[in-house]
Amino acid sequence: MKVNLYEEFFFSDEWNDLHWQPEGRSPIFPSVILITPVRYAVTSEHIRIIQVSSIHELMEKYKGPVKQQKESRIKNNSSNGIKINLT
């Protein structure tokens, strides 16, 4: 994997001024997401690397607490196989 290139970009500080950085807050370096069924032994002390086998796994892994609460309410309020959404 080309982690060295990402780390070079990280240390260049060029990413600090890119148009997608949040206004009024500290710049954020993007995470590297690997979507592959193969698990690579790749690490970095400077860059967040996320490895998942599918987009679905990524969505489940980083599901926000609000969405989890909604799904919990739907499951807890079902009767005879009928789901009731209380949103």
Protein backbone atom coordinates (compact mmCIF):
# COMPACT_ATOMS: atom_id res chain seq x y z
CA MET A 1 0.00 0.00 0.00
CA LYS A 2 1.12 3.53 -0.63
CA VAL A 3 0.82 4.74 2.96
CA ASN A 4 4.08 6.63 2.53
CA LEU A 5 2.45 8.88 -0.09
CA TYR A 6 -0.44 9.68 2.24
CA GLU A 7 2.01 10.42 5.04
CA GLU A 8 4.04 12.70 2.74
CA PHE A 9 0.83 14.57 1.92
CA PHE A 10 0.01 14.76 5.65
CA PHE A 11 3.40 16.32 6.46
CA SER A 12 3.22 18.72 3.49
CA ASP A 13 0.39 20.66 5.20
CA GLU A 14 -1.04 21.39 1.71
CA TRP A 15 -4.31 19.78 2.80
CA ASN A 16 -4.86 22.47 5.45
CA ASP A 17 -6.01 25.02 2.87
CA LEU A 18 -8.09 22.84 0.53
CA HIS A 19 -11.63 23.99 -0.29
CA TRP A 20 -13.34 21.11 1.56
CA GLN A 21 -11.89 22.01 4.95
CA PRO A 22 -14.46 23.18 7.53
CA GLU A 23 -14.72 26.92 8.03
CA GLY A 24 -14.05 28.30 11.48
CA ARG A 25 -12.54 25.04 12.77
CA SER A 26 -9.20 23.28 12.70
CA PRO A 27 -8.39 21.50 9.42
CA ILE A 28 -9.15 17.78 9.28
CA PHE A 29 -6.97 15.25 7.48
CA PRO A 30 -9.14 12.69 5.66
CA SER A 31 -9.19 9.05 6.67
CA VAL A 32 -8.08 6.36 4.24
CA ILE A 33 -10.78 3.75 3.67
CA LEU A 34 -9.87 0.36 2.23
CA ILE A 35 -12.88 -1.59 0.96
CA THR A 36 -11.65 -5.09 0.30
CA PRO A 37 -12.30 -8.64 1.51
CA VAL A 38 -8.55 -8.96 2.12
CA ARG A 39 -7.23 -7.64 5.43
CA TYR A 40 -3.94 -5.78 4.88
CA ALA A 41 -1.32 -5.33 7.59
CA VAL A 42 -1.09 -1.59 7.09
CA THR A 43 -0.72 0.98 9.85
CA SER A 44 0.22 4.60 10.29
CA GLU A 45 0.88 6.70 13.33
CA HIS A 46 -0.36 9.80 11.51
CA ILE A 47 -3.26 8.69 9.31
CA ARG A 48 -6.50 6.97 10.26
CA ILE A 49 -6.86 3.83 8.14
CA ILE A 50 -10.22 2.05 8.08
CA GLN A 51 -10.53 -1.43 6.56
CA VAL A 52 -13.93 -2.94 5.76
CA SER A 53 -15.13 -5.63 3.39
CA SER A 54 -18.11 -3.64 2.05
CA ILE A 55 -19.85 -0.29 2.11
CA HIS A 56 -22.58 -1.91 4.23
CA GLU A 57 -19.99 -2.90 6.85
CA LEU A 58 -18.65 0.66 6.84
CA MET A 59 -22.14 2.08 7.40
CA GLU A 60 -22.86 -0.37 10.23
CA LYS A 61 -19.50 0.26 11.86
CA TYR A 62 -19.95 4.04 11.96
CA LYS A 63 -23.70 4.25 12.46
CA GLY A 64 -24.54 7.24 14.63
CA PRO A 65 -26.25 6.88 18.01
CA VAL A 66 -29.45 8.58 16.77
CA LYS A 67 -29.91 5.99 14.02
CA GLN A 68 -29.19 3.17 16.50
CA GLN A 69 -31.82 4.54 18.90
CA LYS A 70 -34.41 4.71 16.10
CA GLU A 71 -33.72 1.13 15.07
CA SER A 72 -33.92 0.01 18.69
CA ARG A 73 -37.33 1.65 19.09
CA ILE A 74 -38.61 -0.02 15.93
CA LYS A 75 -37.48 -3.44 17.15
CA ASN A 76 -38.77 -2.94 20.70
CA ASN A 77 -42.19 -1.73 19.60
CA SER A 78 -43.03 -4.52 17.18
CA SER A 79 -45.93 -6.87 17.72
CA ASN A 80 -46.71 -10.11 15.86
CA GLY A 81 -44.06 -9.35 13.24
CA ILE A 82 -45.45 -5.89 12.53
CA LYS A 83 -42.94 -3.10 12.99
CA ILE A 84 -44.11 0.29 14.16
CA ASN A 85 -41.89 3.29 13.47
CA LEU A 86 -42.30 5.93 16.19
CA THR A 87 -40.33 8.75 14.57
